[in-house]
Amino acid sequence: MSQREHPPVVAEDLGKKYTRGWALRDCALEIPAGRVVALVGPNGAGKSTLMGMITGLLRPTTGRIAVFGDVPNGRGMHRSVAFLTQAKPLYPQFTVTETLRYGQRANPGWDQAYAEELVRKAQVPFAAKVGTLSGGQRTRVALALALGKRPRLLMLDEPLADLDPLARETVLQTLVEEARAHGITVLLSSHVLAELENVCDHLVLLTSGRVRLAGDVDQLMRQHGRGLSELALAYMRSEVAA
């Protein structure tokens, strides 16, 4: 089987244990290709831990995880994966142009023209220093940096939490348009369930370190007779009640 035919992520009996206890346990999961996947759950559910193991920054305590058929080795992310966190690690003293040049030097598969196009569409000035940009502008530059790598899997861990509602909607719309146009699988972790309902077509729900619900959104809503937000909240509330 070629790498193109492997699912972006497959986990089998995956677990991660810290000194304080299990952050993720008995996780069986497959992230399908070409989908925008909502990764939801309360704080401490294991979302960031799962993403950390996909990147290879964290090693599993139990089980196995594969990214496009390869086992993460801890020596850097898979070449087909890009990862953007809420922190958006950009250098504030760099201009936008210098930031994109850094991306070009750091990523062998970098597409400079595409990254510049994303910045231009967002109407972010290339000569401006990153530290002078608004939160929404910084997010658009960070997204251009991630997408310029031409990933096949883009992971976003609460990247929009510091944006106002209008900026979140604009960034999400851009993200989904680019993902659909270029066949990128997106794994999007967020606490704002309502906004995910309009952009995500696959759901993974974690509670207490375990996968409680996973599947295509349309199918899950038909089975349960509820919208995405209502369904996810019902599962999380039942976990609290238990």
C-alpha atoms as a PDB file:
ATOM      1  CA  MET A   1       0.000   0.000   0.000  1.00  0.00           C
ATOM      2  CA  SER A   2       1.409   3.386  -0.974  1.00  0.00           C
ATOM      3  CA  GLN A   3       1.636   6.228   1.528  1.00  0.00           C
ATOM      4  CA  ARG A   4      -1.151   8.026  -0.354  1.00  0.00           C
ATOM      5  CA  GLU A   5      -3.493   5.114   0.400  1.00  0.00           C
ATOM      6  CA  HIS A   6      -2.858   5.056   4.144  1.00  0.00           C
ATOM      7  CA  PRO A   7      -5.316   6.989   6.345  1.00  0.00           C
ATOM      8  CA  PRO A   8      -3.851  10.164   7.874  1.00  0.00           C
ATOM      9  CA  VAL A   9      -4.030   8.725  11.406  1.00  0.00           C
ATOM     10  CA  VAL A  10      -4.703   5.239  12.771  1.00  0.00           C
ATOM     11  CA  ALA A  11      -4.505   4.488  16.508  1.00  0.00           C
ATOM     12  CA  GLU A  12      -4.831   1.073  18.126  1.00  0.00           C
ATOM     13  CA  ASP A  13      -5.160   0.606  21.914  1.00  0.00           C
ATOM     14  CA  LEU A  14      -3.312   3.912  22.251  1.00  0.00           C
ATOM     15  CA  GLY A  15      -2.549   5.199  25.736  1.00  0.00           C
ATOM     16  CA  LYS A  16      -0.437   7.861  27.407  1.00  0.00           C
ATOM     17  CA  LYS A  17       0.250   7.867  31.139  1.00  0.00           C
ATOM     18  CA  TYR A  18       1.803  10.709  33.113  1.00  0.00           C
ATOM     19  CA  THR A  19       2.757  10.770  36.788  1.00  0.00           C
ATOM     20  CA  ARG A  20      -0.704  12.120  37.628  1.00  0.00           C
ATOM     21  CA  GLY A  21      -2.438   9.316  35.744  1.00  0.00           C
ATOM     22  CA  TRP A  22      -3.730   8.376  32.293  1.00  0.00           C
ATOM     23  CA  ALA A  23      -4.264  11.261  29.844  1.00  0.00           C
ATOM     24  CA  LEU A  24      -5.395   8.912  27.068  1.00  0.00           C
ATOM     25  CA  ARG A  25      -6.326   5.240  27.303  1.00  0.00           C
ATOM     26  CA  ASP A  26      -7.534   2.387  25.076  1.00  0.00           C
ATOM     27  CA  CYS A  27      -7.862   4.755  22.115  1.00  0.00           C
ATOM     28  CA  ALA A  28      -8.917   3.118  18.842  1.00  0.00           C
ATOM     29  CA  LEU A  29      -9.311   5.683  16.101  1.00  0.00           C
ATOM     30  CA  GLU A  30      -9.035   6.292  12.364  1.00  0.00           C
ATOM     31  CA  ILE A  31      -8.976   9.815  10.915  1.00  0.00           C
ATOM     32  CA  PRO A  32     -10.356   9.602   7.351  1.00  0.00           C
ATOM     33  CA  ALA A  33      -8.651  11.405   4.496  1.00  0.00           C
ATOM     34  CA  GLY A  34     -10.009  14.627   3.031  1.00  0.00           C
ATOM     35  CA  ARG A  35     -12.274  15.483   5.966  1.00  0.00           C
ATOM     36  CA  VAL A  36     -12.526  18.437   8.321  1.00  0.00           C
ATOM     37  CA  VAL A  37     -12.541  16.672  11.674  1.00  0.00           C
ATOM     38  CA  ALA A  38     -13.801  18.233  14.906  1.00  0.00           C
ATOM     39  CA  LEU A  39     -11.815  16.995  17.910  1.00  0.00           C
ATOM     40  CA  VAL A  40     -13.935  17.952  20.899  1.00  0.00           C
ATOM     41  CA  GLY A  41     -14.092  17.253  24.608  1.00  0.00           C
ATOM     42  CA  PRO A  42     -13.784  19.019  27.955  1.00  0.00           C
ATOM     43  CA  ASN A  43     -10.483  20.253  29.389  1.00  0.00           C
ATOM     44  CA  GLY A  44      -8.279  17.305  30.301  1.00  0.00           C
ATOM     45  CA  ALA A  45     -10.045  14.950  27.891  1.00  0.00           C
ATOM     46  CA  GLY A  46      -6.816  14.094  26.067  1.00  0.00           C
ATOM     47  CA  LYS A  47      -7.126  16.218  22.909  1.00  0.00           C
ATOM     48  CA  SER A  48      -3.698  17.873  23.128  1.00  0.00           C
ATOM     49  CA  THR A  49      -2.120  14.573  24.178  1.00  0.00           C
ATOM     50  CA  LEU A  50      -3.507  12.856  21.086  1.00  0.00           C
ATOM     51  CA  MET A  51      -2.200  15.650  18.863  1.00  0.00           C
ATOM     52  CA  GLY A  52       1.173  15.462  20.587  1.00  0.00           C
ATOM     53  CA  MET A  53       1.455  11.764  19.765  1.00  0.00           C
ATOM     54  CA  ILE A  54       0.478  12.395  16.133  1.00  0.00           C
ATOM     55  CA  THR A  55       3.328  14.911  15.857  1.00  0.00           C
ATOM     56  CA  GLY A  56       5.748  12.520  17.541  1.00  0.00           C
ATOM     57  CA  LEU A  57       6.505  15.001  20.336  1.00  0.00           C
ATOM     58  CA  LEU A  58       4.923  12.544  22.784  1.00  0.00           C
ATOM     59  CA  ARG A  59       5.550   8.808  22.831  1.00  0.00           C
ATOM     60  CA  PRO A  60       2.719   6.359  23.596  1.00  0.00           C
ATOM     61  CA  THR A  61       2.783   4.438  26.857  1.00  0.00           C
ATOM     62  CA  THR A  62       0.692   1.668  25.312  1.00  0.00           C
ATOM     63  CA  GLY A  63      -0.565   0.758  21.875  1.00  0.00           C
ATOM     64  CA  ARG A  64       0.382   2.070  18.477  1.00  0.00           C
ATOM     65  CA  ILE A  65      -0.196   5.122  16.291  1.00  0.00           C
ATOM     66  CA  ALA A  66       0.579   5.523  12.591  1.00  0.00           C
ATOM     67  CA  VAL A  67       0.589   8.715  10.501  1.00  0.00           C
ATOM     68  CA  PHE A  68       0.145   8.009   6.781  1.00  0.00           C
ATOM     69  CA  GLY A  69       1.367   4.495   7.563  1.00  0.00           C
ATOM     70  CA  ASP A  70       4.521   5.642   9.401  1.00  0.00           C
ATOM     71  CA  VAL A  71       5.128   5.398  13.135  1.00  0.00           C
ATOM     72  CA  PRO A  72       6.180   8.806  14.589  1.00  0.00           C
ATOM     73  CA  ASN A  73       9.801   8.552  15.716  1.00  0.00           C
ATOM     74  CA  GLY A  74      10.163  11.673  17.855  1.00  0.00           C
ATOM     75  CA  ARG A  75      12.735  13.203  15.497  1.00  0.00           C
ATOM     76  CA  GLY A  76      10.335  15.705  13.963  1.00  0.00           C
ATOM     77  CA  MET A  77       6.867  15.760  12.473  1.00  0.00           C
ATOM     78  CA  HIS A  78       5.902  13.700   9.479  1.00  0.00           C
ATOM     79  CA  ARG A  79       6.697  15.661   6.322  1.00  0.00           C
ATOM     80  CA  SER A  80       3.006  15.665   5.354  1.00  0.00           C
ATOM     81  CA  VAL A  81       1.801  17.133   8.681  1.00  0.00           C
ATOM     82  CA  ALA A  82       1.536  20.767   9.789  1.00  0.00           C
ATOM     83  CA  PHE A  83       0.596  21.788  13.333  1.00  0.00           C
ATOM     84  CA  LEU A  84      -0.728  25.112  14.574  1.00  0.00           C
ATOM     85  CA  THR A  85      -1.448  25.824  18.245  1.00  0.00           C
ATOM     86  CA  GLN A  86      -3.129  28.703  20.052  1.00  0.00           C
ATOM     87  CA  ALA A  87       0.342  30.061  20.906  1.00  0.00           C
ATOM     88  CA  LYS A  88       1.130  30.588  17.179  1.00  0.00           C
ATOM     89  CA  PRO A  89       4.930  30.587  17.625  1.00  0.00           C
ATOM     90  CA  LEU A  90       5.856  33.478  15.337  1.00  0.00           C
ATOM     91  CA  TYR A  91       8.841  35.804  15.779  1.00  0.00           C
ATOM     92  CA  PRO A  92       7.403  39.257  16.602  1.00  0.00           C
ATOM     93  CA  GLN A  93      10.513  41.068  15.327  1.00  0.00           C
ATOM     94  CA  PHE A  94      10.237  39.443  11.870  1.00  0.00           C
ATOM     95  CA  THR A  95       8.294  41.101   9.096  1.00  0.00           C
ATOM     96  CA  VAL A  96       5.669  39.017   7.322  1.00  0.00           C
ATOM     97  CA  THR A  97       8.048  38.658   4.355  1.00  0.00           C
ATOM     98  CA  GLU A  98      10.833  37.434   6.648  1.00  0.00           C
ATOM     99  CA  THR A  99       8.425  34.993   8.301  1.00  0.00           C
ATOM    100  CA  LEU A 100       7.585  33.412   4.958  1.00  0.00           C
ATOM    101  CA  ARG A 101      11.283  33.250   4.051  1.00  0.00           C
ATOM    102  CA  TYR A 102      11.854  31.377   7.311  1.00  0.00           C
ATOM    103  CA  GLY A 103       9.104  28.946   6.306  1.00  0.00           C
ATOM    104  CA  GLN A 104      10.819  28.447   2.957  1.00  0.00           C
ATOM    105  CA  ARG A 105      14.158  27.634   4.599  1.00  0.00           C
ATOM    106  CA  ALA A 106      12.624  25.290   7.173  1.00  0.00           C
ATOM    107  CA  ASN A 107      10.358  23.214   4.893  1.00  0.00           C
ATOM    108  CA  PRO A 108      11.639  21.259   1.851  1.00  0.00           C
ATOM    109  CA  GLY A 109       8.186  21.116   0.237  1.00  0.00           C
ATOM    110  CA  TRP A 110       7.465  24.822   0.751  1.00  0.00           C
ATOM    111  CA  ASP A 111       5.255  26.640  -1.770  1.00  0.00           C
ATOM    112  CA  GLN A 112       6.270  30.303  -1.587  1.00  0.00           C
ATOM    113  CA  ALA A 113       3.753  31.515  -4.164  1.00  0.00           C
ATOM    114  CA  TYR A 114       0.878  29.832  -2.348  1.00  0.00           C
ATOM    115  CA  ALA A 115       1.901  31.221   1.062  1.00  0.00           C
ATOM    116  CA  GLU A 116       2.187  34.722  -0.391  1.00  0.00           C
ATOM    117  CA  GLU A 117      -1.227  34.348  -2.035  1.00  0.00           C
ATOM    118  CA  LEU A 118      -2.817  33.474   1.331  1.00  0.00           C
ATOM    119  CA  VAL A 119      -1.261  36.534   2.983  1.00  0.00           C
ATOM    120  CA  ARG A 120      -2.329  38.744   0.085  1.00  0.00           C
ATOM    121  CA  LYS A 121      -5.917  37.464   0.227  1.00  0.00           C
ATOM    122  CA  ALA A 122      -5.983  38.253   3.952  1.00  0.00           C
ATOM    123  CA  GLN A 123      -4.810  41.809   3.156  1.00  0.00           C
ATOM    124  CA  VAL A 124      -1.935  41.554   5.636  1.00  0.00           C
ATOM    125  CA  PRO A 125       0.949  43.961   4.764  1.00  0.00           C
ATOM    126  CA  PHE A 126       4.129  42.062   3.915  1.00  0.00           C
ATOM    127  CA  ALA A 127       6.373  44.809   5.322  1.00  0.00           C
ATOM    128  CA  ALA A 128       4.697  44.873   8.748  1.00  0.00           C
ATOM    129  CA  LYS A 129       6.410  43.277  11.718  1.00  0.00           C
ATOM    130  CA  VAL A 130       4.470  40.346  13.173  1.00  0.00           C
ATOM    131  CA  GLY A 131       4.441  41.970  16.612  1.00  0.00           C
ATOM    132  CA  THR A 132       2.446  44.931  15.264  1.00  0.00           C
ATOM    133  CA  LEU A 133      -0.321  42.826  13.686  1.00  0.00           C
ATOM    134  CA  SER A 134      -3.777  42.269  15.127  1.00  0.00           C
ATOM    135  CA  GLY A 135      -4.704  38.844  16.522  1.00  0.00           C
ATOM    136  CA  GLY A 136      -6.631  37.994  13.374  1.00  0.00           C
ATOM    137  CA  GLN A 137      -3.757  39.046  11.132  1.00  0.00           C
ATOM    138  CA  ARG A 138      -1.241  36.994  13.127  1.00  0.00           C
ATOM    139  CA  THR A 139      -3.511  33.978  12.823  1.00  0.00           C
ATOM    140  CA  ARG A 140      -3.725  34.426   9.052  1.00  0.00           C
ATOM    141  CA  VAL A 141       0.091  34.624   8.820  1.00  0.00           C
ATOM    142  CA  ALA A 142       0.455  31.529  11.011  1.00  0.00           C
ATOM    143  CA  LEU A 143      -2.061  29.711   8.820  1.00  0.00           C
ATOM    144  CA  ALA A 144      -0.145  30.728   5.690  1.00  0.00           C
ATOM    145  CA  LEU A 145       3.013  29.385   7.331  1.00  0.00           C
ATOM    146  CA  ALA A 146       1.290  26.055   8.050  1.00  0.00           C
ATOM    147  CA  LEU A 147      -0.397  25.725   4.649  1.00  0.00           C
ATOM    148  CA  GLY A 148       2.709  26.858   2.759  1.00  0.00           C
ATOM    149  CA  LYS A 149       4.257  23.568   3.797  1.00  0.00           C
ATOM    150  CA  ARG A 150       1.622  21.930   1.573  1.00  0.00           C
ATOM    151  CA  PRO A 151       0.570  19.431   4.254  1.00  0.00           C
ATOM    152  CA  ARG A 152      -1.851  16.584   3.703  1.00  0.00           C
ATOM    153  CA  LEU A 153      -2.844  16.721   7.381  1.00  0.00           C
ATOM    154  CA  LEU A 154      -3.257  20.079   9.115  1.00  0.00           C
ATOM    155  CA  MET A 155      -3.762  19.986  12.892  1.00  0.00           C
ATOM    156  CA  LEU A 156      -5.033  23.013  14.765  1.00  0.00           C
ATOM    157  CA  ASP A 157      -5.155  23.010  18.570  1.00  0.00           C
ATOM    158  CA  GLU A 158      -7.452  25.848  19.736  1.00  0.00           C
ATOM    159  CA  PRO A 159      -5.929  28.264  17.177  1.00  0.00           C
ATOM    160  CA  LEU A 160      -8.880  30.666  17.161  1.00  0.00           C
ATOM    161  CA  ALA A 161      -9.510  31.004  20.898  1.00  0.00           C
ATOM    162  CA  ASP A 162      -8.049  34.527  21.112  1.00  0.00           C
ATOM    163  CA  LEU A 163     -10.014  35.924  18.145  1.00  0.00           C
ATOM    164  CA  ASP A 164     -13.290  37.812  18.129  1.00  0.00           C
ATOM    165  CA  PRO A 165     -16.319  36.007  16.587  1.00  0.00           C
ATOM    166  CA  LEU A 166     -16.067  37.770  13.209  1.00  0.00           C
ATOM    167  CA  ALA A 167     -12.358  36.992  12.855  1.00  0.00           C
ATOM    168  CA  ARG A 168     -12.978  33.354  13.846  1.00  0.00           C
ATOM    169  CA  GLU A 169     -15.670  33.024  11.194  1.00  0.00           C
ATOM    170  CA  THR A 170     -13.426  34.560   8.513  1.00  0.00           C
ATOM    171  CA  VAL A 171     -10.437  32.367   9.365  1.00  0.00           C
ATOM    172  CA  LEU A 172     -12.573  29.208   9.522  1.00  0.00           C
ATOM    173  CA  GLN A 173     -14.108  29.985   6.144  1.00  0.00           C
ATOM    174  CA  THR A 174     -10.649  30.435   4.607  1.00  0.00           C
ATOM    175  CA  LEU A 175      -9.416  27.241   6.234  1.00  0.00           C
ATOM    176  CA  VAL A 176     -12.299  25.128   4.951  1.00  0.00           C
ATOM    177  CA  GLU A 177     -12.050  26.596   1.429  1.00  0.00           C
ATOM    178  CA  GLU A 178      -8.329  25.773   1.240  1.00  0.00           C
ATOM    179  CA  ALA A 179      -8.822  22.296   2.693  1.00  0.00           C
ATOM    180  CA  ARG A 180     -11.564  21.447   0.200  1.00  0.00           C
ATOM    181  CA  ALA A 181      -9.655  22.915  -2.750  1.00  0.00           C
ATOM    182  CA  HIS A 182      -6.430  21.033  -2.016  1.00  0.00           C
ATOM    183  CA  GLY A 183      -7.691  17.806  -0.421  1.00  0.00           C
ATOM    184  CA  ILE A 184      -6.200  18.554   2.992  1.00  0.00           C
ATOM    185  CA  THR A 185      -7.390  16.616   6.020  1.00  0.00           C
ATOM    186  CA  VAL A 186      -7.955  19.007   8.927  1.00  0.00           C
ATOM    187  CA  LEU A 187      -8.029  17.990  12.597  1.00  0.00           C
ATOM    188  CA  LEU A 188      -9.481  20.936  14.495  1.00  0.00           C
ATOM    189  CA  SER A 189      -9.621  21.042  18.283  1.00  0.00           C
ATOM    190  CA  SER A 190     -11.888  23.724  19.742  1.00  0.00           C
ATOM    191  CA  HIS A 191     -14.184  24.412  22.679  1.00  0.00           C
ATOM    192  CA  VAL A 192     -16.545  26.496  20.527  1.00  0.00           C
ATOM    193  CA  LEU A 193     -18.857  23.699  19.407  1.00  0.00           C
ATOM    194  CA  ALA A 194     -21.389  25.905  17.631  1.00  0.00           C
ATOM    195  CA  GLU A 195     -18.889  27.206  15.088  1.00  0.00           C
ATOM    196  CA  LEU A 196     -17.523  23.737  14.363  1.00  0.00           C
ATOM    197  CA  GLU A 197     -20.993  22.511  13.450  1.00  0.00           C
ATOM    198  CA  ASN A 198     -20.941  24.540  10.231  1.00  0.00           C
ATOM    199  CA  VAL A 199     -17.474  23.533   9.037  1.00  0.00           C
ATOM    200  CA  CYS A 200     -16.718  19.979  10.201  1.00  0.00           C
ATOM    201  CA  ASP A 201     -17.962  16.809   8.535  1.00  0.00           C
ATOM    202  CA  HIS A 202     -16.418  14.263  10.936  1.00  0.00           C
ATOM    203  CA  LEU A 203     -16.475  14.151  14.733  1.00  0.00           C
ATOM    204  CA  VAL A 204     -14.148  12.663  17.335  1.00  0.00           C
ATOM    205  CA  LEU A 205     -15.365  13.135  20.917  1.00  0.00           C
ATOM    206  CA  LEU A 206     -13.004  12.489  23.825  1.00  0.00           C
ATOM    207  CA  THR A 207     -13.963  12.365  27.492  1.00  0.00           C
ATOM    208  CA  SER A 208     -11.776  11.173  30.372  1.00  0.00           C
ATOM    209  CA  GLY A 209      -9.041  10.151  27.947  1.00  0.00           C
ATOM    210  CA  ARG A 210     -11.210   7.814  25.858  1.00  0.00           C
ATOM    211  CA  VAL A 211     -12.909   8.039  22.474  1.00  0.00           C
ATOM    212  CA  ARG A 212     -16.633   8.154  23.242  1.00  0.00           C
ATOM    213  CA  LEU A 213     -17.984   8.954  19.791  1.00  0.00           C
ATOM    214  CA  ALA A 214     -16.481   9.038  16.291  1.00  0.00           C
ATOM    215  CA  GLY A 215     -17.955   9.162  12.821  1.00  0.00           C
ATOM    216  CA  ASP A 216     -19.277  11.294  10.003  1.00  0.00           C
ATOM    217  CA  VAL A 217     -21.358  14.184  11.341  1.00  0.00           C
ATOM    218  CA  ASP A 218     -24.336  13.617   9.023  1.00  0.00           C
ATOM    219  CA  GLN A 219     -24.565   9.958   9.974  1.00  0.00           C
ATOM    220  CA  LEU A 220     -24.223  10.647  13.705  1.00  0.00           C
ATOM    221  CA  MET A 221     -26.911  13.340  13.588  1.00  0.00           C
ATOM    222  CA  ARG A 222     -29.291  10.998  11.750  1.00  0.00           C
ATOM    223  CA  GLN A 223     -28.652   8.205  14.247  1.00  0.00           C
ATOM    224  CA  HIS A 224     -29.134  10.390  17.323  1.00  0.00           C
ATOM    225  CA  GLY A 225     -31.582  12.967  15.983  1.00  0.00           C
ATOM    226  CA  ARG A 226     -29.469  15.845  17.303  1.00  0.00           C
ATOM    227  CA  GLY A 227     -27.160  18.543  15.959  1.00  0.00           C
ATOM    228  CA  LEU A 228     -23.401  18.327  16.460  1.00  0.00           C
ATOM    229  CA  SER A 229     -23.254  20.705  19.422  1.00  0.00           C
ATOM    230  CA  GLU A 230     -26.258  19.156  21.166  1.00  0.00           C
ATOM    231  CA  LEU A 231     -24.927  15.641  20.616  1.00  0.00           C
ATOM    232  CA  ALA A 232     -21.430  16.424  21.914  1.00  0.00           C
ATOM    233  CA  LEU A 233     -22.769  18.267  24.954  1.00  0.00           C
ATOM    234  CA  ALA A 234     -25.117  15.375  25.777  1.00  0.00           C
ATOM    235  CA  TYR A 235     -22.192  12.923  25.827  1.00  0.00           C
ATOM    236  CA  MET A 236     -20.047  15.257  27.929  1.00  0.00           C
ATOM    237  CA  ARG A 237     -22.878  15.846  30.420  1.00  0.00           C
ATOM    238  CA  SER A 238     -23.507  12.114  30.742  1.00  0.00           C
ATOM    239  CA  GLU A 239     -19.808  11.660  31.516  1.00  0.00           C
ATOM    240  CA  VAL A 240     -20.006  14.286  34.288  1.00  0.00           C
ATOM    241  CA  ALA A 241     -23.179  12.717  35.671  1.00  0.00           C
ATOM    242  CA  ALA A 242     -21.551   9.286  35.720  1.00  0.00           C
END
